[in-house]
PDB file of N, CA and C in Angstrom:
ATOM      1  N   MET A   1      57.792 151.098  55.050  1.00  0.00           N
ATOM      2  CA  MET A   1      58.151 149.935  54.248  1.00  0.00           C
ATOM      3  C   MET A   1      57.405 149.103  53.625  1.00  0.00           C
ATOM      4  N   PRO A   2      57.335 149.079  52.368  1.00  0.00           N
ATOM      5  CA  PRO A   2      56.450 147.866  52.287  1.00  0.00           C
ATOM      6  C   PRO A   2      56.832 146.208  52.099  1.00  0.00           C
ATOM      7  N   LEU A   3      55.594 145.573  52.286  1.00  0.00           N
ATOM      8  CA  LEU A   3      56.002 143.982  52.876  1.00  0.00           C
ATOM      9  C   LEU A   3      55.858 143.246  51.241  1.00  0.00           C
ATOM     10  N   TYR A   4      56.751 142.760  50.738  1.00  0.00           N
ATOM     11  CA  TYR A   4      56.207 141.801  49.386  1.00  0.00           C
ATOM     12  C   TYR A   4      56.399 140.564  49.797  1.00  0.00           C
ATOM     13  N   GLU A   5      56.316 139.966  48.974  1.00  0.00           N
ATOM     14  CA  GLU A   5      55.767 138.207  49.075  1.00  0.00           C
ATOM     15  C   GLU A   5      56.472 137.996  47.588  1.00  0.00           C
ATOM     16  N   TYR A   6      57.343 136.456  48.227  1.00  0.00           N
ATOM     17  CA  TYR A   6      58.211 136.322  46.656  1.00  0.00           C
ATOM     18  C   TYR A   6      57.487 134.630  47.191  1.00  0.00           C
ATOM     19  N   ALA A   7      57.929 134.113  46.210  1.00  0.00           N
ATOM     20  CA  ALA A   7      57.520 132.429  45.964  1.00  0.00           C
ATOM     21  C   ALA A   7      58.467 131.677  45.390  1.00  0.00           C
ATOM     22  N   CYS A   8      58.688 130.773  45.861  1.00  0.00           N
ATOM     23  CA  CYS A   8      60.103 129.643  45.091  1.00  0.00           C
ATOM     24  C   CYS A   8      58.989 128.837  44.276  1.00  0.00           C
ATOM     25  N   ASP A   9      59.684 128.692  43.316  1.00  0.00           N
ATOM     26  CA  ASP A   9      59.352 127.619  42.223  1.00  0.00           C
ATOM     27  C   ASP A   9      59.330 125.990  42.463  1.00  0.00           C
ATOM     28  N   THR A  10      60.833 126.018  43.421  1.00  0.00           N
ATOM     29  CA  THR A  10      61.012 124.578  43.292  1.00  0.00           C
ATOM     30  C   THR A  10      60.479 123.764  44.624  1.00  0.00           C
ATOM     31  N   CYS A  11      60.243 124.511  45.879  1.00  0.00           N
ATOM     32  CA  CYS A  11      60.068 123.887  46.982  1.00  0.00           C
ATOM     33  C   CYS A  11      58.480 124.692  47.242  1.00  0.00           C
ATOM     34  N   ASP A  12      58.262 125.481  46.817  1.00  0.00           N
ATOM     35  CA  ASP A  12      56.788 125.995  47.125  1.00  0.00           C
ATOM     36  C   ASP A  12      57.032 126.834  48.276  1.00  0.00           C
ATOM     37  N   HIS A  13      58.057 127.293  48.605  1.00  0.00           N
ATOM     38  CA  HIS A  13      58.053 128.055  49.769  1.00  0.00           C
ATOM     39  C   HIS A  13      57.629 129.476  49.389  1.00  0.00           C
ATOM     40  N   LEU A  14      56.442 129.912  50.365  1.00  0.00           N
ATOM     41  CA  LEU A  14      56.301 131.529  50.507  1.00  0.00           C
ATOM     42  C   LEU A  14      56.661 132.065  51.573  1.00  0.00           C
ATOM     43  N   PHE A  15      57.159 133.407  51.206  1.00  0.00           N
ATOM     44  CA  PHE A  15      57.839 134.401  52.625  1.00  0.00           C
ATOM     45  C   PHE A  15      57.934 135.637  52.048  1.00  0.00           C
ATOM     46  N   GLU A  16      57.597 136.227  53.525  1.00  0.00           N
ATOM     47  CA  GLU A  16      57.552 137.916  52.462  1.00  0.00           C
ATOM     48  C   GLU A  16      58.758 138.662  53.570  1.00  0.00           C
ATOM     49  N   VAL A  17      59.020 139.875  52.784  1.00  0.00           N
ATOM     50  CA  VAL A  17      59.874 140.791  53.228  1.00  0.00           C
ATOM     51  C   VAL A  17      59.548 142.173  53.123  1.00  0.00           C
ATOM     52  N   ARG A  18      60.394 142.838  54.078  1.00  0.00           N
ATOM     53  CA  ARG A  18      60.154 144.085  54.230  1.00  0.00           C
ATOM     54  C   ARG A  18      61.099 144.806  53.587  1.00  0.00           C
ATOM     55  N   GLN A  19      60.815 145.219  52.621  1.00  0.00           N
ATOM     56  CA  GLN A  19      62.234 146.244  51.422  1.00  0.00           C
ATOM     57  C   GLN A  19      61.688 147.081  51.547  1.00  0.00           C
ATOM     58  N   ARG A  20      62.820 147.972  51.466  1.00  0.00           N
ATOM     59  CA  ARG A  20      62.136 149.665  50.507  1.00  0.00           C
ATOM     60  C   ARG A  20      62.230 149.880  49.307  1.00  0.00           C
ATOM     61  N   PHE A  21      62.171 150.707  48.806  1.00  0.00           N
ATOM     62  CA  PHE A  21      62.000 150.893  47.440  1.00  0.00           C
ATOM     63  C   PHE A  21      63.303 150.862  46.760  1.00  0.00           C
ATOM     64  N   SER A  22      64.000 151.448  47.565  1.00  0.00           N
ATOM     65  CA  SER A  22      65.543 151.482  46.710  1.00  0.00           C
ATOM     66  C   SER A  22      66.229 149.767  46.571  1.00  0.00           C
ATOM     67  N   ASP A  23      65.594 149.291  47.684  1.00  0.00           N
ATOM     68  CA  ASP A  23      66.118 147.686  47.602  1.00  0.00           C
ATOM     69  C   ASP A  23      66.203 147.017  46.376  1.00  0.00           C
ATOM     70  N   GLU A  24      67.425 145.984  46.362  1.00  0.00           N
ATOM     71  CA  GLU A  24      67.529 145.126  45.441  1.00  0.00           C
ATOM     72  C   GLU A  24      66.423 144.145  45.716  1.00  0.00           C
ATOM     73  N   PRO A  25      65.367 143.744  44.888  1.00  0.00           N
ATOM     74  CA  PRO A  25      64.626 142.164  44.759  1.00  0.00           C
ATOM     75  C   PRO A  25      65.581 141.401  45.684  1.00  0.00           C
ATOM     76  N   VAL A  26      64.475 140.390  45.998  1.00  0.00           N
ATOM     77  CA  VAL A  26      65.531 138.855  46.226  1.00  0.00           C
ATOM     78  C   VAL A  26      65.305 138.228  45.406  1.00  0.00           C
ATOM     79  N   SER A  27      66.837 137.483  44.905  1.00  0.00           N
ATOM     80  CA  SER A  27      66.646 136.460  44.205  1.00  0.00           C
ATOM     81  C   SER A  27      66.766 135.373  44.438  1.00  0.00           C
ATOM     82  N   THR A  28      67.330 134.616  45.528  1.00  0.00           N
ATOM     83  CA  THR A  28      67.199 133.556  46.127  1.00  0.00           C
ATOM     84  C   THR A  28      66.727 132.946  47.150  1.00  0.00           C
ATOM     85  N   CYS A  29      66.146 131.775  47.277  1.00  0.00           N
ATOM     86  CA  CYS A  29      64.798 131.084  48.035  1.00  0.00           C
ATOM     87  C   CYS A  29      65.903 130.851  49.644  1.00  0.00           C
ATOM     88  N   PRO A  30      65.297 131.529  50.553  1.00  0.00           N
ATOM     89  CA  PRO A  30      66.255 131.180  51.970  1.00  0.00           C
ATOM     90  C   PRO A  30      65.811 129.601  52.219  1.00  0.00           C
ATOM     91  N   LYS A  31      64.982 128.761  51.625  1.00  0.00           N
ATOM     92  CA  LYS A  31      64.875 127.441  52.551  1.00  0.00           C
ATOM     93  C   LYS A  31      65.885 126.651  51.491  1.00  0.00           C
ATOM     94  N   CYS A  32      65.789 126.806  50.479  1.00  0.00           N
ATOM     95  CA  CYS A  32      66.758 125.928  49.277  1.00  0.00           C
ATOM     96  C   CYS A  32      67.732 126.687  48.420  1.00  0.00           C
ATOM     97  N   GLY A  33      68.017 128.089  48.163  1.00  0.00           N
ATOM     98  CA  GLY A  33      68.700 128.711  47.336  1.00  0.00           C
ATOM     99  C   GLY A  33      68.068 128.930  45.377  1.00  0.00           C
ATOM    100  N   ALA A  34      66.931 128.304  45.513  1.00  0.00           N
ATOM    101  CA  ALA A  34      66.816 128.414  44.207  1.00  0.00           C
ATOM    102  C   ALA A  34      65.976 130.196  43.918  1.00  0.00           C
ATOM    103  N   PRO A  35      66.026 129.729  42.801  1.00  0.00           N
ATOM    104  CA  PRO A  35      65.602 131.302  42.271  1.00  0.00           C
ATOM    105  C   PRO A  35      64.083 131.749  42.524  1.00  0.00           C
ATOM    106  N   VAL A  36      63.845 132.613  42.917  1.00  0.00           N
ATOM    107  CA  VAL A  36      62.132 133.113  43.318  1.00  0.00           C
ATOM    108  C   VAL A  36      61.834 133.996  42.404  1.00  0.00           C
ATOM    109  N   ARG A  37      59.946 133.948  42.637  1.00  0.00           N
ATOM    110  CA  ARG A  37      59.454 135.116  42.115  1.00  0.00           C
ATOM    111  C   ARG A  37      58.681 136.397  42.810  1.00  0.00           C
ATOM    112  N   ARG A  38      58.774 136.830  42.513  1.00  0.00           N
ATOM    113  CA  ARG A  38      57.618 138.022  43.408  1.00  0.00           C
ATOM    114  C   ARG A  38      56.210 138.071  42.802  1.00  0.00           C
ATOM    115  N   VAL A  39      55.297 137.595  44.365  1.00  0.00           N
ATOM    116  CA  VAL A  39      54.377 137.283  43.497  1.00  0.00           C
ATOM    117  C   VAL A  39      52.992 138.985  43.878  1.00  0.00           C
ATOM    118  N   LEU A  40      52.361 139.223  42.575  1.00  0.00           N
ATOM    119  CA  LEU A  40      51.768 139.894  42.913  1.00  0.00           C
ATOM    120  C   LEU A  40      50.134 139.888  42.795  1.00  0.00           C
ATOM    121  N   HIS A  41      49.651 141.213  43.868  1.00  0.00           N
ATOM    122  CA  HIS A  41      48.234 140.912  44.456  1.00  0.00           C
ATOM    123  C   HIS A  41      47.554 141.939  43.574  1.00  0.00           C
ATOM    124  N   ALA A  42      46.082 142.015  43.653  1.00  0.00           N
ATOM    125  CA  ALA A  42      45.344 142.739  43.078  1.00  0.00           C
ATOM    126  C   ALA A  42      45.471 143.747  44.121  1.00  0.00           C
ATOM    127  N   ALA A  43      45.456 145.445  44.089  1.00  0.00           N
ATOM    128  CA  ALA A  43      45.390 146.268  44.791  1.00  0.00           C
ATOM    129  C   ALA A  43      44.077 146.302  45.343  1.00  0.00           C
ATOM    130  N   SER A  44      43.647 146.545  46.425  1.00  0.00           N
ATOM    131  CA  SER A  44      42.444 146.960  47.368  1.00  0.00           C
ATOM    132  C   SER A  44      41.933 148.695  47.078  1.00  0.00           C
ATOM    133  N   VAL A  45      41.122 148.782  46.627  1.00  0.00           N
ATOM    134  CA  VAL A  45      40.668 150.464  46.442  1.00  0.00           C
ATOM    135  C   VAL A  45      39.206 150.462  47.525  1.00  0.00           C
ATOM    136  N   ILE A  46      39.372 151.865  47.991  1.00  0.00           N
ATOM    137  CA  ILE A  46      38.301 152.205  49.149  1.00  0.00           C
ATOM    138  C   ILE A  46      38.003 153.386  48.634  1.00  0.00           C
ATOM    139  N   PHE A  47      36.795 153.528  48.208  1.00  0.00           N
ATOM    140  CA  PHE A  47      36.306 154.701  47.737  1.00  0.00           C
ATOM    141  C   PHE A  47      35.600 155.535  49.472  1.00  0.00           C
ATOM    142  N   LYS A  48      36.137 156.750  49.324  1.00  0.00           N
ATOM    143  CA  LYS A  48      35.810 157.618  51.124  1.00  0.00           C
ATOM    144  C   LYS A  48      35.156 159.079  50.210  1.00  0.00           C
ATOM    145  N   GLY A  49      34.290 159.124  51.181  1.00  0.00           N
ATOM    146  CA  GLY A  49      33.676 160.412  50.675  1.00  0.00           C
ATOM    147  C   GLY A  49      32.648 160.327  49.818  1.00  0.00           C
ATOM    148  N   PRO A  50      31.325 162.118  50.225  1.00  0.00           N
ATOM    149  CA  PRO A  50      30.378 161.851  49.047  1.00  0.00           C
ATOM    150  C   PRO A  50      29.988 161.417  47.462  1.00  0.00           C
ATOM    151  N   GLY A  51      28.994 160.295  46.823  1.00  0.00           N
ATOM    152  CA  GLY A  51      29.213 160.984  45.542  1.00  0.00           C
ATOM    153  C   GLY A  51      29.601 159.680  44.774  1.00  0.00           C
ATOM    154  N   PHE A  52      29.670 158.636  45.634  1.00  0.00           N
ATOM    155  CA  PHE A  52      30.412 157.439  45.184  1.00  0.00           C
ATOM    156  C   PHE A  52      29.293 156.708  44.673  1.00  0.00           C
ATOM    157  N   TYR A  53      28.052 156.539  45.073  1.00  0.00           N
ATOM    158  CA  TYR A  53      26.852 155.919  44.953  1.00  0.00           C
ATOM    159  C   TYR A  53      25.509 156.434  45.185  1.00  0.00           C
ATOM    160  N   LEU A  54      24.652 155.946  44.734  1.00  0.00           N
ATOM    161  CA  LEU A  54      23.336 156.839  44.756  1.00  0.00           C
ATOM    162  C   LEU A  54      22.931 156.490  46.266  1.00  0.00           C
ATOM    163  N   THR A  55      22.902 155.895  47.089  1.00  0.00           N
ATOM    164  CA  THR A  55      22.415 155.474  48.519  1.00  0.00           C
ATOM    165  C   THR A  55      23.617 156.687  49.323  1.00  0.00           C
ATOM    166  N   ASP A  56      24.115 157.188  48.856  1.00  0.00           N
ATOM    167  CA  ASP A  56      25.108 158.090  49.446  1.00  0.00           C
ATOM    168  C   ASP A  56      24.272 159.295  50.185  1.00  0.00           C
ATOM    169  N   ASN A  57      24.347 160.246  51.042  1.00  0.00           N
ATOM    170  CA  ASN A  57      23.375 161.223  51.542  1.00  0.00           C
ATOM    171  C   ASN A  57      23.733 162.277  50.812  1.00  0.00           C
ATOM    172  N   ARG A  58      23.485 163.049  49.876  1.00  0.00           N
ATOM    173  CA  ARG A  58      23.697 163.669  48.865  1.00  0.00           C
ATOM    174  C   ARG A  58      22.691 164.951  48.821  1.00  0.00           C
ATOM    175  N   LYS A  59      22.680 165.715  48.464  1.00  0.00           N
ATOM    176  CA  LYS A  59      22.010 167.157  48.257  1.00  0.00           C
ATOM    177  C   LYS A  59      20.858 167.108  47.315  1.00  0.00           C
ATOM    178  N   ALA A  60      19.670 166.979  47.104  1.00  0.00           N
ATOM    179  CA  ALA A  60      18.785 166.622  46.312  1.00  0.00           C
ATOM    180  C   ALA A  60      19.672 167.322  44.749  1.00  0.00           C
ATOM    181  N   LYS A  61      19.696 168.411  45.078  1.00  0.00           N
ATOM    182  CA  LYS A  61      19.890 168.849  43.432  1.00  0.00           C
ATOM    183  C   LYS A  61      21.328 167.691  42.973  1.00  0.00           C
ATOM    184  N   GLY A  62      22.425 167.004  43.243  1.00  0.00           N
ATOM    185  CA  GLY A  62      23.059 166.288  42.624  1.00  0.00           C
ATOM    186  C   GLY A  62      22.821 165.290  42.292  1.00  0.00           C
ATOM    187  N   LEU A  63      21.520 164.332  42.803  1.00  0.00           N
ATOM    188  CA  LEU A  63      20.711 163.221  42.023  1.00  0.00           C
ATOM    189  C   LEU A  63      19.681 163.887  40.661  1.00  0.00           C
ATOM    190  N   ALA A  64      20.562 162.956  39.975  1.00  0.00           N
ATOM    191  CA  ALA A  64      19.541 163.051  38.831  1.00  0.00           C
ATOM    192  C   ALA A  64      18.624 161.393  38.975  1.00  0.00           C
ATOM    193  N   GLY A  65      17.748 161.855  38.118  1.00  0.00           N
ATOM    194  CA  GLY A  65      16.293 160.407  38.175  1.00  0.00           C
ATOM    195  C   GLY A  65      16.055 160.095  39.530  1.00  0.00           C
ATOM    196  N   VAL A  66      16.120 160.297  40.263  1.00  0.00           N
ATOM    197  CA  VAL A  66      15.656 160.537  42.053  1.00  0.00           C
ATOM    198  C   VAL A  66      14.278 161.443  41.994  1.00  0.00           C
ATOM    199  N   SER A  67      13.363 161.124  42.222  1.00  0.00           N
ATOM    200  CA  SER A  67      12.274 161.692  42.504  1.00  0.00           C
ATOM    201  C   SER A  67      12.306 162.029  43.881  1.00  0.00           C
ATOM    202  N   SER A  68      11.107 163.613  44.092  1.00  0.00           N
ATOM    203  CA  SER A  68      11.569 164.087  45.674  1.00  0.00           C
ATOM    204  C   SER A  68      10.466 163.242  46.561  1.00  0.00           C
ATOM    205  N   GLU A  69      10.005 162.444  46.300  1.00  0.00           N
ATOM    206  CA  GLU A  69       8.945 161.588  46.636  1.00  0.00           C
ATOM    207  C   GLU A  69       9.724 160.475  47.654  1.00  0.00           C
ATOM    208  N   SER A  70      10.405 159.843  47.107  1.00  0.00           N
ATOM    209  CA  SER A  70      11.182 158.704  47.598  1.00  0.00           C
ATOM    210  C   SER A  70      11.846 159.466  48.816  1.00  0.00           C
ATOM    211  N   LYS A  71      12.327 160.552  48.647  1.00  0.00           N
ATOM    212  CA  LYS A  71      13.385 161.487  49.516  1.00  0.00           C
ATOM    213  C   LYS A  71      12.535 161.861  50.513  1.00  0.00           C
ATOM    214  N   SER A  72      11.171 162.296  50.669  1.00  0.00           N
ATOM    215  CA  SER A  72      10.909 163.045  51.695  1.00  0.00           C
ATOM    216  C   SER A  72       9.801 161.850  52.134  1.00  0.00           C
ATOM    217  N   GLU A  73       9.732 161.274  53.668  1.00  0.00           N
ATOM    218  CA  GLU A  73       8.547 160.444  53.941  1.00  0.00           C
ATOM    219  C   GLU A  73       7.845 161.283  54.666  1.00  0.00           C
ATOM    220  N   GLU A  74       7.869 162.233  55.075  1.00  0.00           N
ATOM    221  CA  GLU A  74       6.934 163.148  56.011  1.00  0.00           C
ATOM    222  C   GLU A  74       5.910 163.757  55.351  1.00  0.00           C
ATOM    223  N   PRO A  75       4.576 163.578  56.265  1.00  0.00           N
ATOM    224  CA  PRO A  75       3.242 163.610  55.736  1.00  0.00           C
ATOM    225  C   PRO A  75       3.435 165.314  55.815  1.00  0.00           C
ATOM    226  N   PRO A  76       2.296 165.236  54.964  1.00  0.00           N
ATOM    227  CA  PRO A  76       2.290 166.269  54.722  1.00  0.00           C
ATOM    228  C   PRO A  76       1.640 167.456  56.206  1.00  0.00           C
ATOM    229  N   ALA A  77       1.982 168.957  56.622  1.00  0.00           N
ATOM    230  CA  ALA A  77       1.279 169.507  57.250  1.00  0.00           C
ATOM    231  C   ALA A  77      -0.130 169.791  57.165  1.00  0.00           C
ATOM    232  N   LYS A  78      -0.597 169.751  58.237  1.00  0.00           N
ATOM    233  CA  LYS A  78      -1.915 169.629  58.645  1.00  0.00           C
ATOM    234  C   LYS A  78      -2.576 170.729  58.691  1.00  0.00           C
ATOM    235  N   THR A  79      -3.359 171.634  57.919  1.00  0.00           N
ATOM    236  CA  THR A  79      -4.252 172.907  58.484  1.00  0.00           C
ATOM    237  C   THR A  79      -4.958 172.671  58.979  1.00  0.00           C
ATOM    238  N   ASP A  80      -5.403 174.024  60.341  1.00  0.00           N
ATOM    239  CA  ASP A  80      -6.940 173.729  60.918  1.00  0.00           C
ATOM    240  C   ASP A  80      -7.806 174.700  59.585  1.00  0.00           C
ATOM    241  N   THR A  81      -8.989 174.267  59.281  1.00  0.00           N
ATOM    242  CA  THR A  81      -9.624 175.322  58.564  1.00  0.00           C
ATOM    243  C   THR A  81     -11.061 175.901  59.648  1.00  0.00           C
ATOM    244  N   SER A  82     -10.889 175.233  60.561  1.00  0.00           N
ATOM    245  CA  SER A  82     -12.173 175.445  61.090  1.00  0.00           C
ATOM    246  C   SER A  82     -12.289 176.580  61.823  1.00  0.00           C
ATOM    247  N   LYS A  83     -10.940 177.659  62.316  1.00  0.00           N
ATOM    248  CA  LYS A  83     -10.907 178.446  63.383  1.00  0.00           C
ATOM    249  C   LYS A  83     -10.339 179.600  62.261  1.00  0.00           C
ATOM    250  N   THR A  84     -10.460 179.504  61.194  1.00  0.00           N
ATOM    251  CA  THR A  84     -10.181 180.613  60.023  1.00  0.00           C
ATOM    252  C   THR A  84     -11.407 181.595  59.686  1.00  0.00           C
ATOM    253  N   THR A  85     -11.410 183.018  59.803  1.00  0.00           N
ATOM    254  CA  THR A  85     -12.292 183.864  59.720  1.00  0.00           C
ATOM    255  C   THR A  85     -11.799 185.153  58.777  1.00  0.00           C
ATOM    256  N   SER A  86     -12.940 185.294  58.131  1.00  0.00           N
ATOM    257  CA  SER A  86     -12.462 186.398  57.007  1.00  0.00           C
ATOM    258  C   SER A  86     -13.233 187.082  56.911  1.00  0.00           C
ATOM    259  N   THR A  87     -12.735 188.558  56.916  1.00  0.00           N
ATOM    260  CA  THR A  87     -13.605 190.018  57.491  1.00  0.00           C
ATOM    261  C   THR A  87     -13.271 191.067  56.099  1.00  0.00           C
ATOM    262  N   THR A  88     -14.005 191.268  55.688  1.00  0.00           N
ATOM    263  CA  THR A  88     -14.072 191.898  54.564  1.00  0.00           C
ATOM    264  C   THR A  88     -14.474 193.550  55.263  1.00  0.00           C
ATOM    265  N   THR A  89     -13.824 194.474  54.550  1.00  0.00           N
ATOM    266  CA  THR A  89     -14.104 196.106  54.925  1.00  0.00           C
ATOM    267  C   THR A  89     -14.798 196.429  53.046  1.00  0.00           C
ATOM    268  N   ALA A  90     -15.642 197.256  53.597  1.00  0.00           N
ATOM    269  CA  ALA A  90     -16.366 197.834  52.729  1.00  0.00           C
ATOM    270  C   ALA A  90     -16.255 199.687  52.854  1.00  0.00           C
ATOM    271  N   ASP A  91     -15.782 199.828  51.385  1.00  0.00           N
ATOM    272  CA  ASP A  91     -15.376 201.381  51.522  1.00  0.00           C
ATOM    273  C   ASP A  91     -17.179 202.041  51.277  1.00  0.00           C
ATOM    274  N   LYS A  92     -16.731 203.328  52.405  1.00  0.00           N
ATOM    275  CA  LYS A  92     -17.816 204.294  52.347  1.00  0.00           C
ATOM    276  C   LYS A  92     -17.795 205.009  51.988  1.00  0.00           C
TER     277      LYS A  92
END
């Protein structure tokens, strides 16, 4: 059940009431009996999952404008050329 916040304009009393969606809104202040109004707050938004920010760990093909050099921090593999021998065969 949602929790609603109400405010009394007469005595500045703030209170919360847990109500069902089908319940009628509270109309009177429990402290002074004056009319009350429901206080509205901005809803919070939580983005979960991949793909919302450039810093997410996504596959490289999904990123536009990001170079592959910035993603790969490993040095290139070294090749040992001192032990390579080439043999040629001549036709007889």
